[in-house]
PDB file of N, CA and C in Angstrom:
ATOM      1  N   MET A   1      35.968 119.042 248.049  1.00  0.00           N
ATOM      2  CA  MET A   1      37.123 118.723 248.940  1.00  0.00           C
ATOM      3  C   MET A   1      37.424 119.417 250.256  1.00  0.00           C
ATOM      4  N   SER A   2      37.676 119.105 251.040  1.00  0.00           N
ATOM      5  CA  SER A   2      37.551 119.899 251.972  1.00  0.00           C
ATOM      6  C   SER A   2      38.868 120.812 253.146  1.00  0.00           C
ATOM      7  N   ASP A   3      38.742 121.908 253.608  1.00  0.00           N
ATOM      8  CA  ASP A   3      40.222 122.144 253.665  1.00  0.00           C
ATOM      9  C   ASP A   3      41.647 121.906 253.905  1.00  0.00           C
ATOM     10  N   ASP A   4      41.415 120.841 254.795  1.00  0.00           N
ATOM     11  CA  ASP A   4      42.360 120.000 255.351  1.00  0.00           C
ATOM     12  C   ASP A   4      43.094 118.903 254.883  1.00  0.00           C
ATOM     13  N   GLU A   5      42.390 118.685 252.935  1.00  0.00           N
ATOM     14  CA  GLU A   5      42.593 117.746 252.542  1.00  0.00           C
ATOM     15  C   GLU A   5      44.433 118.451 251.946  1.00  0.00           C
ATOM     16  N   PRO A   6      45.390 117.576 251.563  1.00  0.00           N
ATOM     17  CA  PRO A   6      46.427 118.235 251.232  1.00  0.00           C
ATOM     18  C   PRO A   6      46.218 118.740 249.368  1.00  0.00           C
ATOM     19  N   LYS A   7      46.490 119.489 249.074  1.00  0.00           N
ATOM     20  CA  LYS A   7      46.320 119.450 247.605  1.00  0.00           C
ATOM     21  C   LYS A   7      47.751 119.797 246.670  1.00  0.00           C
ATOM     22  N   LEU A   8      47.872 119.742 245.419  1.00  0.00           N
ATOM     23  CA  LEU A   8      48.586 120.035 244.152  1.00  0.00           C
ATOM     24  C   LEU A   8      49.983 120.063 245.290  1.00  0.00           C
ATOM     25  N   ASP A   9      49.987 121.616 245.156  1.00  0.00           N
ATOM     26  CA  ASP A   9      51.469 122.031 245.780  1.00  0.00           C
ATOM     27  C   ASP A   9      52.156 121.312 247.480  1.00  0.00           C
ATOM     28  N   ALA A  10      50.781 120.876 247.981  1.00  0.00           N
ATOM     29  CA  ALA A  10      51.818 120.243 248.720  1.00  0.00           C
ATOM     30  C   ALA A  10      51.974 118.736 248.105  1.00  0.00           C
ATOM     31  N   PHE A  11      51.475 117.890 247.564  1.00  0.00           N
ATOM     32  CA  PHE A  11      51.970 116.767 246.982  1.00  0.00           C
ATOM     33  C   PHE A  11      53.330 117.170 246.265  1.00  0.00           C
ATOM     34  N   LEU A  12      53.721 118.537 245.424  1.00  0.00           N
ATOM     35  CA  LEU A  12      55.002 118.437 244.584  1.00  0.00           C
ATOM     36  C   LEU A  12      55.603 118.797 245.799  1.00  0.00           C
ATOM     37  N   ARG A  13      55.803 119.200 247.061  1.00  0.00           N
ATOM     38  CA  ARG A  13      56.963 119.697 248.204  1.00  0.00           C
ATOM     39  C   ARG A  13      57.083 118.544 248.240  1.00  0.00           C
ATOM     40  N   HIS A  14      55.933 117.466 248.481  1.00  0.00           N
ATOM     41  CA  HIS A  14      56.239 116.402 249.228  1.00  0.00           C
ATOM     42  C   HIS A  14      57.086 115.467 248.090  1.00  0.00           C
ATOM     43  N   LEU A  15      56.979 115.241 247.275  1.00  0.00           N
ATOM     44  CA  LEU A  15      57.710 114.520 245.947  1.00  0.00           C
ATOM     45  C   LEU A  15      59.034 115.222 245.923  1.00  0.00           C
ATOM     46  N   GLN A  16      59.323 116.708 246.111  1.00  0.00           N
ATOM     47  CA  GLN A  16      60.641 117.474 246.244  1.00  0.00           C
ATOM     48  C   GLN A  16      61.557 117.307 247.376  1.00  0.00           C
ATOM     49  N   ALA A  17      60.806 116.409 248.386  1.00  0.00           N
ATOM     50  CA  ALA A  17      61.057 116.161 250.039  1.00  0.00           C
ATOM     51  C   ALA A  17      61.854 114.767 249.723  1.00  0.00           C
ATOM     52  N   GLU A  18      60.836 113.811 249.316  1.00  0.00           N
ATOM     53  CA  GLU A  18      61.409 112.719 248.801  1.00  0.00           C
ATOM     54  C   GLU A  18      62.565 112.366 247.619  1.00  0.00           C
ATOM     55  N   VAL A  19      62.474 113.760 246.619  1.00  0.00           N
ATOM     56  CA  VAL A  19      64.203 113.346 246.082  1.00  0.00           C
ATOM     57  C   VAL A  19      65.054 113.799 246.666  1.00  0.00           C
ATOM     58  N   ASP A  20      65.338 114.876 247.581  1.00  0.00           N
ATOM     59  CA  ASP A  20      66.069 114.584 248.128  1.00  0.00           C
ATOM     60  C   ASP A  20      66.654 114.084 249.248  1.00  0.00           C
ATOM     61  N   SER A  21      65.769 113.352 250.103  1.00  0.00           N
ATOM     62  CA  SER A  21      66.282 111.736 250.863  1.00  0.00           C
ATOM     63  C   SER A  21      66.168 111.040 249.703  1.00  0.00           C
ATOM     64  N   ALA A  22      65.618 110.526 248.477  1.00  0.00           N
ATOM     65  CA  ALA A  22      66.499 109.662 247.569  1.00  0.00           C
ATOM     66  C   ALA A  22      67.818 109.791 247.441  1.00  0.00           C
ATOM     67  N   SER A  23      68.498 111.124 247.545  1.00  0.00           N
ATOM     68  CA  SER A  23      69.814 111.396 246.528  1.00  0.00           C
ATOM     69  C   SER A  23      70.919 110.733 247.862  1.00  0.00           C
ATOM     70  N   GLU A  24      70.157 110.240 249.071  1.00  0.00           N
ATOM     71  CA  GLU A  24      71.003 109.560 249.952  1.00  0.00           C
ATOM     72  C   GLU A  24      70.912 108.312 249.892  1.00  0.00           C
ATOM     73  N   ILE A  25      70.325 107.867 248.741  1.00  0.00           N
ATOM     74  CA  ILE A  25      70.242 105.939 248.785  1.00  0.00           C
ATOM     75  C   ILE A  25      71.551 105.450 248.480  1.00  0.00           C
ATOM     76  N   VAL A  26      72.244 104.778 249.325  1.00  0.00           N
ATOM     77  CA  VAL A  26      73.761 104.282 248.848  1.00  0.00           C
ATOM     78  C   VAL A  26      73.235 103.474 247.659  1.00  0.00           C
ATOM     79  N   ASP A  27      72.764 102.825 247.657  1.00  0.00           N
ATOM     80  CA  ASP A  27      73.024 101.988 246.348  1.00  0.00           C
ATOM     81  C   ASP A  27      72.617 102.678 244.877  1.00  0.00           C
ATOM     82  N   LYS A  28      73.488 102.687 243.852  1.00  0.00           N
ATOM     83  CA  LYS A  28      73.218 103.603 242.804  1.00  0.00           C
ATOM     84  C   LYS A  28      71.649 103.366 242.108  1.00  0.00           C
ATOM     85  N   LYS A  29      71.811 102.073 241.807  1.00  0.00           N
ATOM     86  CA  LYS A  29      70.478 101.184 240.592  1.00  0.00           C
ATOM     87  C   LYS A  29      69.465 102.064 241.902  1.00  0.00           C
ATOM     88  N   GLU A  30      69.671 101.428 242.511  1.00  0.00           N
ATOM     89  CA  GLU A  30      68.242 101.727 243.530  1.00  0.00           C
ATOM     90  C   GLU A  30      68.239 103.247 243.890  1.00  0.00           C
ATOM     91  N   ARG A  31      68.950 104.111 244.238  1.00  0.00           N
ATOM     92  CA  ARG A  31      68.579 105.423 244.312  1.00  0.00           C
ATOM     93  C   ARG A  31      68.315 105.944 242.153  1.00  0.00           C
ATOM     94  N   ASP A  32      69.638 105.615 241.434  1.00  0.00           N
ATOM     95  CA  ASP A  32      68.585 105.870 240.323  1.00  0.00           C
ATOM     96  C   ASP A  32      66.907 105.428 239.516  1.00  0.00           C
ATOM     97  N   GLU A  33      66.296 104.604 240.386  1.00  0.00           N
ATOM     98  CA  GLU A  33      65.480 103.844 239.919  1.00  0.00           C
ATOM     99  C   GLU A  33      64.325 104.710 240.393  1.00  0.00           C
ATOM    100  N   ARG A  34      64.730 105.139 242.075  1.00  0.00           N
ATOM    101  CA  ARG A  34      63.582 106.276 242.989  1.00  0.00           C
ATOM    102  C   ARG A  34      63.430 106.979 242.281  1.00  0.00           C
ATOM    103  N   LEU A  35      64.681 108.257 241.663  1.00  0.00           N
ATOM    104  CA  LEU A  35      64.815 109.558 241.414  1.00  0.00           C
ATOM    105  C   LEU A  35      63.740 109.511 240.431  1.00  0.00           C
ATOM    106  N   PHE A  36      64.142 108.501 239.496  1.00  0.00           N
ATOM    107  CA  PHE A  36      63.085 108.405 238.166  1.00  0.00           C
ATOM    108  C   PHE A  36      61.849 108.262 238.614  1.00  0.00           C
ATOM    109  N   GLN A  37      60.838 107.742 238.928  1.00  0.00           N
ATOM    110  CA  GLN A  37      59.725 107.439 239.885  1.00  0.00           C
ATOM    111  C   GLN A  37      59.568 108.759 240.104  1.00  0.00           C
ATOM    112  N   LEU A  38      60.380 109.316 240.947  1.00  0.00           N
ATOM    113  CA  LEU A  38      59.775 110.385 241.692  1.00  0.00           C
ATOM    114  C   LEU A  38      59.596 111.526 240.527  1.00  0.00           C
ATOM    115  N   GLU A  39      60.718 111.837 239.559  1.00  0.00           N
ATOM    116  CA  GLU A  39      60.972 112.657 238.216  1.00  0.00           C
ATOM    117  C   GLU A  39      59.747 112.684 237.526  1.00  0.00           C
ATOM    118  N   VAL A  40      59.360 110.646 237.278  1.00  0.00           N
ATOM    119  CA  VAL A  40      58.369 110.988 236.480  1.00  0.00           C
ATOM    120  C   VAL A  40      57.127 111.924 237.363  1.00  0.00           C
ATOM    121  N   ALA A  41      56.498 111.381 238.867  1.00  0.00           N
ATOM    122  CA  ALA A  41      55.873 111.594 239.607  1.00  0.00           C
ATOM    123  C   ALA A  41      55.837 113.377 239.481  1.00  0.00           C
ATOM    124  N   ILE A  42      56.106 113.933 239.462  1.00  0.00           N
ATOM    125  CA  ILE A  42      56.576 115.210 239.697  1.00  0.00           C
ATOM    126  C   ILE A  42      56.218 116.052 237.263  1.00  0.00           C
ATOM    127  N   GLN A  43      56.494 115.099 236.805  1.00  0.00           N
ATOM    128  CA  GLN A  43      56.323 115.168 235.717  1.00  0.00           C
ATOM    129  C   GLN A  43      54.940 115.689 235.378  1.00  0.00           C
ATOM    130  N   GLU A  44      54.299 114.962 235.635  1.00  0.00           N
ATOM    131  CA  GLU A  44      52.945 114.221 235.483  1.00  0.00           C
ATOM    132  C   GLU A  44      51.887 114.809 236.314  1.00  0.00           C
ATOM    133  N   ALA A  45      52.390 115.314 237.292  1.00  0.00           N
ATOM    134  CA  ALA A  45      51.618 116.769 238.478  1.00  0.00           C
ATOM    135  C   ALA A  45      51.527 117.890 237.691  1.00  0.00           C
ATOM    136  N   ILE A  46      52.880 118.174 237.183  1.00  0.00           N
ATOM    137  CA  ILE A  46      53.151 119.228 236.685  1.00  0.00           C
ATOM    138  C   ILE A  46      51.709 119.343 235.599  1.00  0.00           C
ATOM    139  N   ILE A  47      51.716 118.128 234.592  1.00  0.00           N
ATOM    140  CA  ILE A  47      50.821 117.839 233.357  1.00  0.00           C
ATOM    141  C   ILE A  47      49.991 118.228 233.658  1.00  0.00           C
ATOM    142  N   PHE A  48      49.197 118.011 235.084  1.00  0.00           N
ATOM    143  CA  PHE A  48      47.841 117.973 235.751  1.00  0.00           C
ATOM    144  C   PHE A  48      47.745 118.939 236.093  1.00  0.00           C
ATOM    145  N   ALA A  49      48.577 119.817 236.640  1.00  0.00           N
ATOM    146  CA  ALA A  49      48.076 120.581 236.979  1.00  0.00           C
ATOM    147  C   ALA A  49      47.486 122.110 236.229  1.00  0.00           C
ATOM    148  N   ASN A  50      48.760 121.922 234.490  1.00  0.00           N
ATOM    149  CA  ASN A  50      48.607 122.684 233.623  1.00  0.00           C
ATOM    150  C   ASN A  50      47.379 122.650 232.844  1.00  0.00           C
ATOM    151  N   ARG A  51      47.182 121.242 232.536  1.00  0.00           N
ATOM    152  CA  ARG A  51      45.615 120.627 232.465  1.00  0.00           C
ATOM    153  C   ARG A  51      44.133 121.330 232.213  1.00  0.00           C
ATOM    154  N   TYR A  52      44.245 120.634 234.490  1.00  0.00           N
ATOM    155  CA  TYR A  52      43.063 121.319 235.379  1.00  0.00           C
ATOM    156  C   TYR A  52      43.317 122.503 234.871  1.00  0.00           C
ATOM    157  N   ARG A  53      43.980 123.496 234.620  1.00  0.00           N
ATOM    158  CA  ARG A  53      43.809 124.932 235.001  1.00  0.00           C
ATOM    159  C   ARG A  53      43.214 125.504 233.462  1.00  0.00           C
ATOM    160  N   GLU A  54      43.689 124.179 232.373  1.00  0.00           N
ATOM    161  CA  GLU A  54      43.777 124.898 231.316  1.00  0.00           C
ATOM    162  C   GLU A  54      41.882 124.789 230.957  1.00  0.00           C
ATOM    163  N   LEU A  55      41.904 123.592 231.359  1.00  0.00           N
ATOM    164  CA  LEU A  55      40.126 123.371 231.484  1.00  0.00           C
ATOM    165  C   LEU A  55      39.428 124.622 231.702  1.00  0.00           C
ATOM    166  N   GLN A  56      39.650 124.768 233.630  1.00  0.00           N
ATOM    167  CA  GLN A  56      38.744 125.432 234.088  1.00  0.00           C
ATOM    168  C   GLN A  56      38.723 127.340 233.356  1.00  0.00           C
ATOM    169  N   SER A  57      39.831 127.439 232.368  1.00  0.00           N
ATOM    170  CA  SER A  57      40.021 128.538 232.149  1.00  0.00           C
ATOM    171  C   SER A  57      38.979 128.105 230.781  1.00  0.00           C
ATOM    172  N   GLN A  58      38.729 127.552 230.489  1.00  0.00           N
ATOM    173  CA  GLN A  58      37.437 127.512 228.770  1.00  0.00           C
ATOM    174  C   GLN A  58      36.179 127.324 229.340  1.00  0.00           C
ATOM    175  N   GLY A  59      36.161 127.150 230.674  1.00  0.00           N
ATOM    176  CA  GLY A  59      34.680 127.176 231.066  1.00  0.00           C
ATOM    177  C   GLY A  59      34.324 125.224 231.620  1.00  0.00           C
ATOM    178  N   VAL A  60      35.608 124.570 231.573  1.00  0.00           N
ATOM    179  CA  VAL A  60      34.821 123.265 231.576  1.00  0.00           C
ATOM    180  C   VAL A  60      35.352 122.441 232.448  1.00  0.00           C
ATOM    181  N   ASN A  61      34.228 121.960 233.288  1.00  0.00           N
ATOM    182  CA  ASN A  61      35.032 121.124 234.862  1.00  0.00           C
ATOM    183  C   ASN A  61      35.973 120.306 235.220  1.00  0.00           C
ATOM    184  N   PRO A  62      36.677 120.076 235.330  1.00  0.00           N
ATOM    185  CA  PRO A  62      38.122 119.056 235.126  1.00  0.00           C
ATOM    186  C   PRO A  62      37.497 118.071 235.287  1.00  0.00           C
ATOM    187  N   MET A  63      36.588 117.996 236.524  1.00  0.00           N
ATOM    188  CA  MET A  63      36.930 116.592 237.481  1.00  0.00           C
ATOM    189  C   MET A  63      35.142 116.334 237.478  1.00  0.00           C
ATOM    190  N   MET A  64      34.690 116.861 236.200  1.00  0.00           N
ATOM    191  CA  MET A  64      32.972 115.980 236.214  1.00  0.00           C
ATOM    192  C   MET A  64      33.162 114.628 235.760  1.00  0.00           C
ATOM    193  N   LEU A  65      32.638 113.862 235.643  1.00  0.00           N
ATOM    194  CA  LEU A  65      32.800 112.620 235.857  1.00  0.00           C
ATOM    195  C   LEU A  65      32.021 112.079 234.367  1.00  0.00           C
ATOM    196  N   VAL A  66      32.226 111.288 233.643  1.00  0.00           N
ATOM    197  CA  VAL A  66      31.326 111.107 232.787  1.00  0.00           C
ATOM    198  C   VAL A  66      30.828 109.563 232.456  1.00  0.00           C
ATOM    199  N   ASP A  67      29.257 108.859 232.582  1.00  0.00           N
ATOM    200  CA  ASP A  67      28.661 107.998 233.493  1.00  0.00           C
ATOM    201  C   ASP A  67      29.065 107.328 231.606  1.00  0.00           C
ATOM    202  N   PRO A  68      30.010 105.856 232.226  1.00  0.00           N
ATOM    203  CA  PRO A  68      29.877 105.289 230.873  1.00  0.00           C
ATOM    204  C   PRO A  68      28.571 104.770 229.716  1.00  0.00           C
ATOM    205  N   LYS A  69      27.196 105.296 230.666  1.00  0.00           N
ATOM    206  CA  LYS A  69      26.145 104.443 229.885  1.00  0.00           C
ATOM    207  C   LYS A  69      25.485 105.224 228.932  1.00  0.00           C
ATOM    208  N   ILE A  70      25.914 106.248 229.460  1.00  0.00           N
ATOM    209  CA  ILE A  70      25.362 107.841 229.102  1.00  0.00           C
ATOM    210  C   ILE A  70      26.501 107.229 228.060  1.00  0.00           C
ATOM    211  N   GLN A  71      27.641 107.235 227.951  1.00  0.00           N
ATOM    212  CA  GLN A  71      28.871 107.719 226.714  1.00  0.00           C
ATOM    213  C   GLN A  71      28.639 106.534 225.639  1.00  0.00           C
ATOM    214  N   ALA A  72      28.225 105.459 226.032  1.00  0.00           N
ATOM    215  CA  ALA A  72      28.059 104.623 224.718  1.00  0.00           C
ATOM    216  C   ALA A  72      26.764 104.477 224.364  1.00  0.00           C
ATOM    217  N   ASP A  73      25.770 104.884 224.756  1.00  0.00           N
ATOM    218  CA  ASP A  73      24.665 105.784 224.200  1.00  0.00           C
ATOM    219  C   ASP A  73      24.452 106.527 223.267  1.00  0.00           C
ATOM    220  N   HIS A  74      24.559 107.807 223.827  1.00  0.00           N
ATOM    221  CA  HIS A  74      25.155 108.741 223.299  1.00  0.00           C
ATOM    222  C   HIS A  74      26.880 109.719 222.748  1.00  0.00           C
ATOM    223  N   PRO A  75      27.444 109.041 220.841  1.00  0.00           N
ATOM    224  CA  PRO A  75      28.909 108.689 221.128  1.00  0.00           C
ATOM    225  C   PRO A  75      28.775 110.251 221.425  1.00  0.00           C
ATOM    226  N   ALA A  76      29.752 110.630 221.495  1.00  0.00           N
ATOM    227  CA  ALA A  76      31.244 111.538 221.103  1.00  0.00           C
ATOM    228  C   ALA A  76      30.670 112.849 219.791  1.00  0.00           C
ATOM    229  N   PRO A  77      30.389 113.708 220.177  1.00  0.00           N
ATOM    230  CA  PRO A  77      30.636 114.486 219.198  1.00  0.00           C
ATOM    231  C   PRO A  77      31.561 115.408 218.701  1.00  0.00           C
ATOM    232  N   PRO A  78      31.693 115.823 217.365  1.00  0.00           N
ATOM    233  CA  PRO A  78      33.305 115.597 217.143  1.00  0.00           C
ATOM    234  C   PRO A  78      33.909 116.536 217.597  1.00  0.00           C
ATOM    235  N   ALA A  79      35.642 116.557 217.881  1.00  0.00           N
ATOM    236  CA  ALA A  79      36.038 117.736 218.633  1.00  0.00           C
ATOM    237  C   ALA A  79      36.360 118.888 217.893  1.00  0.00           C
ATOM    238  N   THR A  80      36.432 119.674 218.674  1.00  0.00           N
ATOM    239  CA  THR A  80      36.865 121.801 218.171  1.00  0.00           C
ATOM    240  C   THR A  80      37.432 121.477 218.006  1.00  0.00           C
ATOM    241  N   LYS A  81      38.021 123.014 217.266  1.00  0.00           N
ATOM    242  CA  LYS A  81      39.425 123.004 216.782  1.00  0.00           C
ATOM    243  C   LYS A  81      39.798 123.442 218.266  1.00  0.00           C
ATOM    244  N   SER A  82      39.444 124.113 219.587  1.00  0.00           N
ATOM    245  CA  SER A  82      40.056 124.318 220.961  1.00  0.00           C
ATOM    246  C   SER A  82      40.811 122.605 221.417  1.00  0.00           C
ATOM    247  N   GLN A  83      39.771 122.021 220.996  1.00  0.00           N
ATOM    248  CA  GLN A  83      39.482 120.649 221.969  1.00  0.00           C
ATOM    249  C   GLN A  83      41.058 119.939 221.189  1.00  0.00           C
ATOM    250  N   SER A  84      41.448 120.228 219.715  1.00  0.00           N
ATOM    251  CA  SER A  84      42.084 119.446 219.273  1.00  0.00           C
ATOM    252  C   SER A  84      43.725 120.142 219.165  1.00  0.00           C
ATOM    253  N   ILE A  85      43.531 121.547 218.948  1.00  0.00           N
ATOM    254  CA  ILE A  85      44.334 121.879 219.590  1.00  0.00           C
ATOM    255  C   ILE A  85      45.498 121.043 221.059  1.00  0.00           C
ATOM    256  N   LEU A  86      44.522 121.876 222.306  1.00  0.00           N
ATOM    257  CA  LEU A  86      44.401 120.845 223.778  1.00  0.00           C
ATOM    258  C   LEU A  86      45.149 119.136 223.645  1.00  0.00           C
ATOM    259  N   LEU A  87      44.272 118.752 222.693  1.00  0.00           N
ATOM    260  CA  LEU A  87      44.551 117.160 222.995  1.00  0.00           C
ATOM    261  C   LEU A  87      46.026 116.671 221.631  1.00  0.00           C
ATOM    262  N   GLY A  88      46.181 118.193 220.475  1.00  0.00           N
ATOM    263  CA  GLY A  88      47.226 117.548 219.658  1.00  0.00           C
ATOM    264  C   GLY A  88      47.062 116.258 218.707  1.00  0.00           C
ATOM    265  N   VAL A  89      45.623 116.532 218.344  1.00  0.00           N
ATOM    266  CA  VAL A  89      44.753 116.106 217.207  1.00  0.00           C
ATOM    267  C   VAL A  89      44.250 117.062 216.100  1.00  0.00           C
ATOM    268  N   HIS A  90      43.849 116.540 215.463  1.00  0.00           N
ATOM    269  CA  HIS A  90      43.736 117.428 213.992  1.00  0.00           C
ATOM    270  C   HIS A  90      41.921 116.702 213.785  1.00  0.00           C
ATOM    271  N   VAL A  91      40.904 117.745 212.975  1.00  0.00           N
ATOM    272  CA  VAL A  91      39.573 117.246 213.065  1.00  0.00           C
ATOM    273  C   VAL A  91      39.705 117.497 211.188  1.00  0.00           C
ATOM    274  N   CYS A  92      38.885 116.128 210.771  1.00  0.00           N
ATOM    275  CA  CYS A  92      38.861 116.555 209.547  1.00  0.00           C
ATOM    276  C   CYS A  92      37.362 118.017 209.046  1.00  0.00           C
ATOM    277  N   GLU A  93      38.232 118.496 208.259  1.00  0.00           N
ATOM    278  CA  GLU A  93      37.679 119.662 207.304  1.00  0.00           C
ATOM    279  C   GLU A  93      35.773 119.044 207.037  1.00  0.00           C
ATOM    280  N   SER A  94      35.947 118.300 206.171  1.00  0.00           N
ATOM    281  CA  SER A  94      34.770 117.935 205.515  1.00  0.00           C
ATOM    282  C   SER A  94      33.906 117.140 206.286  1.00  0.00           C
ATOM    283  N   CYS A  95      34.575 116.484 207.405  1.00  0.00           N
ATOM    284  CA  CYS A  95      33.183 115.467 207.892  1.00  0.00           C
ATOM    285  C   CYS A  95      33.271 115.734 209.765  1.00  0.00           C
ATOM    286  N   GLY A  96      34.461 116.459 210.481  1.00  0.00           N
ATOM    287  CA  GLY A  96      34.698 116.922 211.546  1.00  0.00           C
ATOM    288  C   GLY A  96      34.848 115.130 212.658  1.00  0.00           C
ATOM    289  N   LYS A  97      34.999 113.858 211.418  1.00  0.00           N
ATOM    290  CA  LYS A  97      35.954 113.411 212.598  1.00  0.00           C
ATOM    291  C   LYS A  97      36.977 113.497 212.985  1.00  0.00           C
ATOM    292  N   LEU A  98      37.516 112.917 214.265  1.00  0.00           N
ATOM    293  CA  LEU A  98      39.556 113.017 214.358  1.00  0.00           C
ATOM    294  C   LEU A  98      39.856 111.974 213.095  1.00  0.00           C
ATOM    295  N   LEU A  99      41.378 112.835 212.890  1.00  0.00           N
ATOM    296  CA  LEU A  99      41.619 112.700 212.103  1.00  0.00           C
ATOM    297  C   LEU A  99      43.156 111.449 213.194  1.00  0.00           C
ATOM    298  N   GLU A 100      43.768 110.726 212.489  1.00  0.00           N
ATOM    299  CA  GLU A 100      44.952 110.049 212.783  1.00  0.00           C
ATOM    300  C   GLU A 100      46.552 110.797 212.419  1.00  0.00           C
ATOM    301  N   SER A 101      47.115 111.596 213.101  1.00  0.00           N
ATOM    302  CA  SER A 101      48.494 111.747 213.124  1.00  0.00           C
ATOM    303  C   SER A 101      49.362 110.795 211.693  1.00  0.00           C
ATOM    304  N   ASP A 102      48.720 109.774 211.585  1.00  0.00           N
ATOM    305  CA  ASP A 102      49.803 109.240 210.711  1.00  0.00           C
ATOM    306  C   ASP A 102      49.509 108.901 209.181  1.00  0.00           C
ATOM    307  N   LEU A 103      48.664 109.149 208.786  1.00  0.00           N
ATOM    308  CA  LEU A 103      47.387 109.212 207.741  1.00  0.00           C
ATOM    309  C   LEU A 103      47.080 110.699 207.117  1.00  0.00           C
ATOM    310  N   ASP A 104      47.087 110.671 205.894  1.00  0.00           N
ATOM    311  CA  ASP A 104      47.124 112.596 204.775  1.00  0.00           C
ATOM    312  C   ASP A 104      45.798 112.249 204.999  1.00  0.00           C
ATOM    313  N   PHE A 105      45.378 111.240 205.056  1.00  0.00           N
ATOM    314  CA  PHE A 105      43.251 111.561 204.900  1.00  0.00           C
ATOM    315  C   PHE A 105      42.694 111.211 205.769  1.00  0.00           C
ATOM    316  N   CYS A 106      41.072 111.350 205.566  1.00  0.00           N
ATOM    317  CA  CYS A 106      40.234 111.151 206.811  1.00  0.00           C
ATOM    318  C   CYS A 106      39.777 109.630 206.375  1.00  0.00           C
ATOM    319  N   PRO A 107      40.247 109.014 207.760  1.00  0.00           N
ATOM    320  CA  PRO A 107      39.472 107.840 207.430  1.00  0.00           C
ATOM    321  C   PRO A 107      37.757 106.859 207.110  1.00  0.00           C
ATOM    322  N   SER A 108      37.208 108.508 207.827  1.00  0.00           N
ATOM    323  CA  SER A 108      35.883 108.085 207.602  1.00  0.00           C
ATOM    324  C   SER A 108      35.210 108.717 206.437  1.00  0.00           C
ATOM    325  N   CYS A 109      35.879 109.662 205.535  1.00  0.00           N
ATOM    326  CA  CYS A 109      35.281 110.775 204.551  1.00  0.00           C
ATOM    327  C   CYS A 109      35.967 110.075 203.021  1.00  0.00           C
ATOM    328  N   GLY A 110      37.626 110.123 203.712  1.00  0.00           N
ATOM    329  CA  GLY A 110      38.408 109.609 202.537  1.00  0.00           C
ATOM    330  C   GLY A 110      39.501 111.102 201.970  1.00  0.00           C
ATOM    331  N   ALA A 111      38.732 112.100 202.715  1.00  0.00           N
ATOM    332  CA  ALA A 111      39.173 113.611 202.690  1.00  0.00           C
ATOM    333  C   ALA A 111      40.786 114.108 202.863  1.00  0.00           C
ATOM    334  N   LYS A 112      41.637 114.346 201.534  1.00  0.00           N
ATOM    335  CA  LYS A 112      42.733 114.521 201.708  1.00  0.00           C
ATOM    336  C   LYS A 112      43.278 115.397 203.385  1.00  0.00           C
ATOM    337  N   LYS A 113      44.093 115.501 203.735  1.00  0.00           N
ATOM    338  CA  LYS A 113      44.424 116.677 204.562  1.00  0.00           C
ATOM    339  C   LYS A 113      44.832 117.900 204.407  1.00  0.00           C
TER     340      LYS A 113
END
């Protein structure tokens, strides 16, 4: 990315300026819808920034793209404990597969959580 391209903090400032101008919309329904859109955009930008920093701190390139062909040929390895914590999922201690949050057992090997 070149130095003249906008950064995330500039985008967040832009969204905040939009919130200020949206509060002047006369029609209440239109104003509320626009404010909701902007609030969601701000939340997503903050989530992205936090996730980006977290990946960088773990030595992962957050902008690395994955070739879908390669991914289909080579299934992903089981998630590590740190990935599970970040993703909010759990890993089966018996087989290493991802566990579904609503099940109390591993669908791959049958081990209990």
